[in-house]
Amino acid sequence: MFWGINLKQGESYDFKGFNGRMLSLDNVCLSKDSENGKYYVTLTNKGKEFSLTVLQKDKSEAKSILTPFVIEDGMKLAVKGSG
């Protein structure tokens, strides 16, 4: 099954309703209108934040990260950075 979301810098996604399901985060990319700067894709679980990758306009705009995990209550995916 395909699943995808669009997050802007400073936004996060809460996985409500997906608890216990397996998710593989395979690819991340910047949108065409992204500003210059670094964007950090993070996963927060049980109060701890993990940086999954960093994207940068005109340098590394897309990455394959192949990160499987089981979704738990309170888990969030976010984009942070200076862009």
PDB file of N, CA and C in Angstrom:
ATOM      1  N   MET A   1       0.837  -1.176   0.000  1.00  0.00           N
ATOM      2  CA  MET A   1       0.000   0.000   0.000  1.00  0.00           C
ATOM      3  C   MET A   1       0.885   1.243   0.000  1.00  0.00           C
ATOM      4  N   PHE A   2       0.487   2.258  -0.758  1.00  0.00           N
ATOM      5  CA  PHE A   2       1.215   3.519  -0.800  1.00  0.00           C
ATOM      6  C   PHE A   2       0.590   4.489   0.186  1.00  0.00           C
ATOM      7  N   TRP A   3       1.432   5.211   0.894  1.00  0.00           N
ATOM      8  CA  TRP A   3       0.983   6.240   1.829  1.00  0.00           C
ATOM      9  C   TRP A   3       1.941   7.404   1.712  1.00  0.00           C
ATOM     10  N   GLY A   4       1.432   8.614   1.688  1.00  0.00           N
ATOM     11  CA  GLY A   4       2.298   9.775   1.581  1.00  0.00           C
ATOM     12  C   GLY A   4       1.668  10.995   2.226  1.00  0.00           C
ATOM     13  N   ILE A   5       2.523  11.905   2.670  1.00  0.00           N
ATOM     14  CA  ILE A   5       2.065  13.174   3.236  1.00  0.00           C
ATOM     15  C   ILE A   5       2.991  14.293   2.779  1.00  0.00           C
ATOM     16  N   ASN A   6       2.498  15.509   2.841  1.00  0.00           N
ATOM     17  CA  ASN A   6       3.310  16.690   2.561  1.00  0.00           C
ATOM     18  C   ASN A   6       3.390  17.496   3.845  1.00  0.00           C
ATOM     19  N   LEU A   7       4.607  17.736   4.319  1.00  0.00           N
ATOM     20  CA  LEU A   7       4.813  18.563   5.505  1.00  0.00           C
ATOM     21  C   LEU A   7       5.675  19.753   5.142  1.00  0.00           C
ATOM     22  N   LYS A   8       5.305  20.904   5.662  1.00  0.00           N
ATOM     23  CA  LYS A   8       6.121  22.101   5.487  1.00  0.00           C
ATOM     24  C   LYS A   8       7.015  22.263   6.705  1.00  0.00           C
ATOM     25  N   GLN A   9       8.046  23.064   6.557  1.00  0.00           N
ATOM     26  CA  GLN A   9       8.959  23.331   7.660  1.00  0.00           C
ATOM     27  C   GLN A   9       8.144  23.813   8.858  1.00  0.00           C
ATOM     28  N   GLY A  10       8.395  23.185  10.015  1.00  0.00           N
ATOM     29  CA  GLY A  10       7.688  23.535  11.236  1.00  0.00           C
ATOM     30  C   GLY A  10       6.426  22.720  11.486  1.00  0.00           C
ATOM     31  N   GLU A  11       5.980  21.934  10.526  1.00  0.00           N
ATOM     32  CA  GLU A  11       4.786  21.104  10.705  1.00  0.00           C
ATOM     33  C   GLU A  11       5.171  19.708  11.188  1.00  0.00           C
ATOM     34  N   SER A  12       4.207  19.040  11.805  1.00  0.00           N
ATOM     35  CA  SER A  12       4.413  17.654  12.211  1.00  0.00           C
ATOM     36  C   SER A  12       3.164  16.843  11.877  1.00  0.00           C
ATOM     37  N   TYR A  13       3.326  15.541  11.828  1.00  0.00           N
ATOM     38  CA  TYR A  13       2.215  14.619  11.567  1.00  0.00           C
ATOM     39  C   TYR A  13       2.120  13.651  12.726  1.00  0.00           C
ATOM     40  N   ASP A  14       0.947  13.547  13.292  1.00  0.00           N
ATOM     41  CA  ASP A  14       0.656  12.662  14.413  1.00  0.00           C
ATOM     42  C   ASP A  14      -0.019  11.413  13.826  1.00  0.00           C
ATOM     43  N   PHE A  15       0.477  10.247  14.127  1.00  0.00           N
ATOM     44  CA  PHE A  15       0.002   9.000  13.535  1.00  0.00           C
ATOM     45  C   PHE A  15      -1.245   8.431  14.218  1.00  0.00           C
ATOM     46  N   LYS A  16      -2.170   9.275  14.657  1.00  0.00           N
ATOM     47  CA  LYS A  16      -3.395   8.803  15.330  1.00  0.00           C
ATOM     48  C   LYS A  16      -4.139   7.819  14.438  1.00  0.00           C
ATOM     49  N   GLY A  17      -4.581   6.732  15.034  1.00  0.00           N
ATOM     50  CA  GLY A  17      -5.329   5.725  14.295  1.00  0.00           C
ATOM     51  C   GLY A  17      -4.470   4.667  13.625  1.00  0.00           C
ATOM     52  N   PHE A  18      -3.156   4.793  13.725  1.00  0.00           N
ATOM     53  CA  PHE A  18      -2.249   3.830  13.093  1.00  0.00           C
ATOM     54  C   PHE A  18      -1.443   3.017  14.110  1.00  0.00           C
ATOM     55  N   ASN A  19      -1.766   3.155  15.387  1.00  0.00           N
ATOM     56  CA  ASN A  19      -1.010   2.480  16.442  1.00  0.00           C
ATOM     57  C   ASN A  19      -0.876   0.977  16.168  1.00  0.00           C
ATOM     58  N   GLY A  20       0.356   0.472  16.282  1.00  0.00           N
ATOM     59  CA  GLY A  20       0.639  -0.946  16.087  1.00  0.00           C
ATOM     60  C   GLY A  20       0.906  -1.345  14.647  1.00  0.00           C
ATOM     61  N   ARG A  21       0.713  -0.442  13.727  1.00  0.00           N
ATOM     62  CA  ARG A  21       0.952  -0.764  12.320  1.00  0.00           C
ATOM     63  C   ARG A  21       2.414  -0.538  11.944  1.00  0.00           C
ATOM     64  N   MET A  22       2.855  -1.289  10.989  1.00  0.00           N
ATOM     65  CA  MET A  22       4.215  -1.167  10.465  1.00  0.00           C
ATOM     66  C   MET A  22       4.219  -0.120   9.361  1.00  0.00           C
ATOM     67  N   LEU A  23       5.219   0.759   9.382  1.00  0.00           N
ATOM     68  CA  LEU A  23       5.377   1.767   8.333  1.00  0.00           C
ATOM     69  C   LEU A  23       6.835   1.793   7.925  1.00  0.00           C
ATOM     70  N   SER A  24       7.059   1.841   6.634  1.00  0.00           N
ATOM     71  CA  SER A  24       8.415   1.980   6.123  1.00  0.00           C
ATOM     72  C   SER A  24       8.496   3.330   5.427  1.00  0.00           C
ATOM     73  N   LEU A  25       9.287   4.223   5.991  1.00  0.00           N
ATOM     74  CA  LEU A  25       9.515   5.537   5.397  1.00  0.00           C
ATOM     75  C   LEU A  25      10.686   5.368   4.435  1.00  0.00           C
ATOM     76  N   ASP A  26      10.381   5.346   3.149  1.00  0.00           N
ATOM     77  CA  ASP A  26      11.388   4.994   2.147  1.00  0.00           C
ATOM     78  C   ASP A  26      12.038   6.189   1.463  1.00  0.00           C
ATOM     79  N   ASN A  27      11.252   7.195   1.116  1.00  0.00           N
ATOM     80  CA  ASN A  27      11.768   8.331   0.347  1.00  0.00           C
ATOM     81  C   ASN A  27      11.258   9.641   0.923  1.00  0.00           C
ATOM     82  N   VAL A  28      12.116  10.634   0.934  1.00  0.00           N
ATOM     83  CA  VAL A  28      11.738  11.983   1.348  1.00  0.00           C
ATOM     84  C   VAL A  28      12.301  12.958   0.324  1.00  0.00           C
ATOM     85  N   CYS A  29      11.584  14.067   0.105  1.00  0.00           N
ATOM     86  CA  CYS A  29      12.068  15.050  -0.856  1.00  0.00           C
ATOM     87  C   CYS A  29      11.517  16.431  -0.525  1.00  0.00           C
ATOM     88  N   LEU A  30      12.184  17.432  -1.060  1.00  0.00           N
ATOM     89  CA  LEU A  30      11.724  18.811  -0.931  1.00  0.00           C
ATOM     90  C   LEU A  30      10.738  19.116  -2.055  1.00  0.00           C
ATOM     91  N   SER A  31       9.835  20.042  -1.803  1.00  0.00           N
ATOM     92  CA  SER A  31       8.929  20.477  -2.858  1.00  0.00           C
ATOM     93  C   SER A  31       9.654  21.484  -3.758  1.00  0.00           C
ATOM     94  N   LYS A  32       9.096  21.733  -4.912  1.00  0.00           N
ATOM     95  CA  LYS A  32       9.718  22.651  -5.875  1.00  0.00           C
ATOM     96  C   LYS A  32       9.879  24.057  -5.319  1.00  0.00           C
ATOM     97  N   ASP A  33       8.955  24.471  -4.447  1.00  0.00           N
ATOM     98  CA  ASP A  33       8.981  25.842  -3.924  1.00  0.00           C
ATOM     99  C   ASP A  33       9.685  25.973  -2.571  1.00  0.00           C
ATOM    100  N   SER A  34      10.470  24.982  -2.184  1.00  0.00           N
ATOM    101  CA  SER A  34      11.213  25.049  -0.916  1.00  0.00           C
ATOM    102  C   SER A  34      12.249  26.166  -0.952  1.00  0.00           C
ATOM    103  N   GLU A  35      12.396  26.841   0.164  1.00  0.00           N
ATOM    104  CA  GLU A  35      13.385  27.916   0.265  1.00  0.00           C
ATOM    105  C   GLU A  35      14.765  27.326   0.544  1.00  0.00           C
ATOM    106  N   ASN A  36      15.807  28.156   0.374  1.00  0.00           N
ATOM    107  CA  ASN A  36      17.163  27.719   0.699  1.00  0.00           C
ATOM    108  C   ASN A  36      17.263  27.428   2.181  1.00  0.00           C
ATOM    109  N   GLY A  37      18.145  26.527   2.541  1.00  0.00           N
ATOM    110  CA  GLY A  37      18.355  26.161   3.935  1.00  0.00           C
ATOM    111  C   GLY A  37      18.312  24.655   4.109  1.00  0.00           C
ATOM    112  N   LYS A  38      18.543  24.225   5.328  1.00  0.00           N
ATOM    113  CA  LYS A  38      18.524  22.800   5.651  1.00  0.00           C
ATOM    114  C   LYS A  38      17.201  22.435   6.309  1.00  0.00           C
ATOM    115  N   TYR A  39      16.686  21.272   5.931  1.00  0.00           N
ATOM    116  CA  TYR A  39      15.436  20.744   6.463  1.00  0.00           C
ATOM    117  C   TYR A  39      15.724  19.387   7.111  1.00  0.00           C
ATOM    118  N   TYR A  40      15.393  19.247   8.373  1.00  0.00           N
ATOM    119  CA  TYR A  40      15.638  18.014   9.105  1.00  0.00           C
ATOM    120  C   TYR A  40      14.333  17.244   9.231  1.00  0.00           C
ATOM    121  N   VAL A  41      14.335  15.995   8.780  1.00  0.00           N
ATOM    122  CA  VAL A  41      13.179  15.125   8.931  1.00  0.00           C
ATOM    123  C   VAL A  41      13.396  14.364  10.237  1.00  0.00           C
ATOM    124  N   THR A  42      12.461  14.539  11.175  1.00  0.00           N
ATOM    125  CA  THR A  42      12.626  13.936  12.500  1.00  0.00           C
ATOM    126  C   THR A  42      11.451  13.039  12.854  1.00  0.00           C
ATOM    127  N   LEU A  43      11.725  12.083  13.721  1.00  0.00           N
ATOM    128  CA  LEU A  43      10.703  11.200  14.277  1.00  0.00           C
ATOM    129  C   LEU A  43      10.801  11.315  15.794  1.00  0.00           C
ATOM    130  N   THR A  44       9.683  11.633  16.431  1.00  0.00           N
ATOM    131  CA  THR A  44       9.654  11.726  17.889  1.00  0.00           C
ATOM    132  C   THR A  44       8.866  10.546  18.437  1.00  0.00           C
ATOM    133  N   ASN A  45       9.455   9.852  19.404  1.00  0.00           N
ATOM    134  CA  ASN A  45       8.810   8.707  20.045  1.00  0.00           C
ATOM    135  C   ASN A  45       9.176   8.701  21.518  1.00  0.00           C
ATOM    136  N   LYS A  46       8.161   8.622  22.370  1.00  0.00           N
ATOM    137  CA  LYS A  46       8.342   8.573  23.824  1.00  0.00           C
ATOM    138  C   LYS A  46       9.213   9.717  24.326  1.00  0.00           C
ATOM    139  N   GLY A  47       8.999  10.922  23.769  1.00  0.00           N
ATOM    140  CA  GLY A  47       9.716  12.109  24.210  1.00  0.00           C
ATOM    141  C   GLY A  47      11.124  12.267  23.666  1.00  0.00           C
ATOM    142  N   LYS A  48      11.579  11.319  22.861  1.00  0.00           N
ATOM    143  CA  LYS A  48      12.919  11.415  22.279  1.00  0.00           C
ATOM    144  C   LYS A  48      12.800  11.713  20.792  1.00  0.00           C
ATOM    145  N   GLU A  49      13.624  12.647  20.329  1.00  0.00           N
ATOM    146  CA  GLU A  49      13.596  13.042  18.925  1.00  0.00           C
ATOM    147  C   GLU A  49      14.791  12.440  18.188  1.00  0.00           C
ATOM    148  N   PHE A  50      14.497  11.846  17.040  1.00  0.00           N
ATOM    149  CA  PHE A  50      15.528  11.216  16.213  1.00  0.00           C
ATOM    150  C   PHE A  50      15.560  11.903  14.859  1.00  0.00           C
ATOM    151  N   SER A  51      16.727  12.322  14.420  1.00  0.00           N
ATOM    152  CA  SER A  51      16.884  12.922  13.103  1.00  0.00           C
ATOM    153  C   SER A  51      17.073  11.796  12.095  1.00  0.00           C
ATOM    154  N   LEU A  52      16.174  11.713  11.114  1.00  0.00           N
ATOM    155  CA  LEU A  52      16.237  10.643  10.124  1.00  0.00           C
ATOM    156  C   LEU A  52      17.115  11.012   8.933  1.00  0.00           C
ATOM    157  N   THR A  53      17.055  12.274   8.536  1.00  0.00           N
ATOM    158  CA  THR A  53      17.880  12.748   7.424  1.00  0.00           C
ATOM    159  C   THR A  53      17.812  14.263   7.354  1.00  0.00           C
ATOM    160  N   VAL A  54      18.675  14.842   6.552  1.00  0.00           N
ATOM    161  CA  VAL A  54      18.652  16.286   6.302  1.00  0.00           C
ATOM    162  C   VAL A  54      18.608  16.509   4.793  1.00  0.00           C
ATOM    163  N   LEU A  55      17.754  17.432   4.381  1.00  0.00           N
ATOM    164  CA  LEU A  55      17.623  17.796   2.970  1.00  0.00           C
ATOM    165  C   LEU A  55      18.044  19.246   2.802  1.00  0.00           C
ATOM    166  N   GLN A  56      18.594  19.576   1.620  1.00  0.00           N
ATOM    167  CA  GLN A  56      19.029  20.948   1.380  1.00  0.00           C
ATOM    168  C   GLN A  56      18.777  21.310  -0.074  1.00  0.00           C
ATOM    169  N   LYS A  57      18.169  22.464  -0.281  1.00  0.00           N
ATOM    170  CA  LYS A  57      17.849  22.962  -1.621  1.00  0.00           C
ATOM    171  C   LYS A  57      19.123  23.029  -2.472  1.00  0.00           C
ATOM    172  N   ASP A  58      19.032  22.543  -3.698  1.00  0.00           N
ATOM    173  CA  ASP A  58      20.114  22.537  -4.685  1.00  0.00           C
ATOM    174  C   ASP A  58      21.313  21.657  -4.311  1.00  0.00           C
ATOM    175  N   LYS A  59      21.241  20.893  -3.239  1.00  0.00           N
ATOM    176  CA  LYS A  59      22.354  20.006  -2.853  1.00  0.00           C
ATOM    177  C   LYS A  59      21.875  18.571  -2.662  1.00  0.00           C
ATOM    178  N   SER A  60      20.904  18.367  -1.814  1.00  0.00           N
ATOM    179  CA  SER A  60      20.354  17.032  -1.583  1.00  0.00           C
ATOM    180  C   SER A  60      18.850  17.173  -1.366  1.00  0.00           C
ATOM    181  N   GLU A  61      18.137  17.284  -2.477  1.00  0.00           N
ATOM    182  CA  GLU A  61      16.708  17.565  -2.430  1.00  0.00           C
ATOM    183  C   GLU A  61      15.838  16.330  -2.270  1.00  0.00           C
ATOM    184  N   ALA A  62      16.412  15.146  -2.447  1.00  0.00           N
ATOM    185  CA  ALA A  62      15.665  13.894  -2.288  1.00  0.00           C
ATOM    186  C   ALA A  62      16.606  12.820  -1.762  1.00  0.00           C
ATOM    187  N   LYS A  63      16.057  11.971  -0.907  1.00  0.00           N
ATOM    188  CA  LYS A  63      16.859  10.869  -0.362  1.00  0.00           C
ATOM    189  C   LYS A  63      16.000   9.630  -0.175  1.00  0.00           C
ATOM    190  N   SER A  64      16.627   8.495  -0.331  1.00  0.00           N
ATOM    191  CA  SER A  64      16.026   7.209  -0.014  1.00  0.00           C
ATOM    192  C   SER A  64      16.556   6.819   1.360  1.00  0.00           C
ATOM    193  N   ILE A  65      15.670   6.670   2.343  1.00  0.00           N
ATOM    194  CA  ILE A  65      16.165   6.420   3.700  1.00  0.00           C
ATOM    195  C   ILE A  65      15.768   5.056   4.272  1.00  0.00           C
ATOM    196  N   LEU A  66      14.843   4.344   3.662  1.00  0.00           N
ATOM    197  CA  LEU A  66      14.454   2.986   4.061  1.00  0.00           C
ATOM    198  C   LEU A  66      14.461   2.788   5.589  1.00  0.00           C
ATOM    199  N   THR A  67      13.498   3.408   6.247  1.00  0.00           N
ATOM    200  CA  THR A  67      13.412   3.369   7.700  1.00  0.00           C
ATOM    201  C   THR A  67      12.093   2.731   8.135  1.00  0.00           C
ATOM    202  N   PRO A  68      12.088   1.423   8.440  1.00  0.00           N
ATOM    203  CA  PRO A  68      10.851   0.787   8.901  1.00  0.00           C
ATOM    204  C   PRO A  68      10.691   0.949  10.423  1.00  0.00           C
ATOM    205  N   PHE A  69       9.451   1.102  10.860  1.00  0.00           N
ATOM    206  CA  PHE A  69       9.177   1.165  12.291  1.00  0.00           C
ATOM    207  C   PHE A  69       7.724   0.813  12.560  1.00  0.00           C
ATOM    208  N   VAL A  70       7.435   0.430  13.806  1.00  0.00           N
ATOM    209  CA  VAL A  70       6.075   0.154  14.248  1.00  0.00           C
ATOM    210  C   VAL A  70       5.568   1.415  14.935  1.00  0.00           C
ATOM    211  N   ILE A  71       4.416   1.894  14.516  1.00  0.00           N
ATOM    212  CA  ILE A  71       3.857   3.132  15.046  1.00  0.00           C
ATOM    213  C   ILE A  71       3.334   2.920  16.463  1.00  0.00           C
ATOM    214  N   GLU A  72       3.702   3.832  17.355  1.00  0.00           N
ATOM    215  CA  GLU A  72       3.260   3.803  18.751  1.00  0.00           C
ATOM    216  C   GLU A  72       2.499   5.082  19.069  1.00  0.00           C
ATOM    217  N   ASP A  73       1.678   5.054  20.129  1.00  0.00           N
ATOM    218  CA  ASP A  73       0.950   6.225  20.557  1.00  0.00           C
ATOM    219  C   ASP A  73       1.885   7.410  20.777  1.00  0.00           C
ATOM    220  N   GLY A  74       1.512   8.571  20.280  1.00  0.00           N
ATOM    221  CA  GLY A  74       2.298   9.779  20.481  1.00  0.00           C
ATOM    222  C   GLY A  74       3.444   9.980  19.515  1.00  0.00           C
ATOM    223  N   MET A  75       3.660   9.037  18.621  1.00  0.00           N
ATOM    224  CA  MET A  75       4.760   9.155  17.653  1.00  0.00           C
ATOM    225  C   MET A  75       4.433  10.245  16.637  1.00  0.00           C
ATOM    226  N   LYS A  76       5.448  11.069  16.284  1.00  0.00           N
ATOM    227  CA  LYS A  76       5.245  12.158  15.333  1.00  0.00           C
ATOM    228  C   LYS A  76       6.400  12.243  14.344  1.00  0.00           C
ATOM    229  N   LEU A  77       6.055  12.594  13.136  1.00  0.00           N
ATOM    230  CA  LEU A  77       7.019  12.850  12.072  1.00  0.00           C
ATOM    231  C   LEU A  77       6.997  14.355  11.850  1.00  0.00           C
ATOM    232  N   ALA A  78       8.160  14.977  11.719  1.00  0.00           N
ATOM    233  CA  ALA A  78       8.197  16.436  11.573  1.00  0.00           C
ATOM    234  C   ALA A  78       9.304  16.869  10.627  1.00  0.00           C
ATOM    235  N   VAL A  79       9.158  18.111  10.163  1.00  0.00           N
ATOM    236  CA  VAL A  79      10.192  18.759   9.357  1.00  0.00           C
ATOM    237  C   VAL A  79      10.591  20.039  10.079  1.00  0.00           C
ATOM    238  N   LYS A  80      11.871  20.162  10.363  1.00  0.00           N
ATOM    239  CA  LYS A  80      12.401  21.340  11.076  1.00  0.00           C
ATOM    240  C   LYS A  80      13.571  21.891  10.288  1.00  0.00           C
ATOM    241  N   GLY A  81      13.931  23.110  10.571  1.00  0.00           N
ATOM    242  CA  GLY A  81      15.109  23.643   9.918  1.00  0.00           C
ATOM    243  C   GLY A  81      15.071  25.128   9.665  1.00  0.00           C
ATOM    244  N   SER A  82      16.055  25.567   8.890  1.00  0.00           N
ATOM    245  CA  SER A  82      16.226  26.981   8.654  1.00  0.00           C
ATOM    246  C   SER A  82      15.603  27.453   7.359  1.00  0.00           C
ATOM    247  N   GLY A  83      14.973  26.562   6.621  1.00  0.00           N
ATOM    248  CA  GLY A  83      14.393  26.915   5.339  1.00  0.00           C
ATOM    249  C   GLY A  83      13.093  27.667   5.472  1.00  0.00           C
TER     250      GLY A  83
END
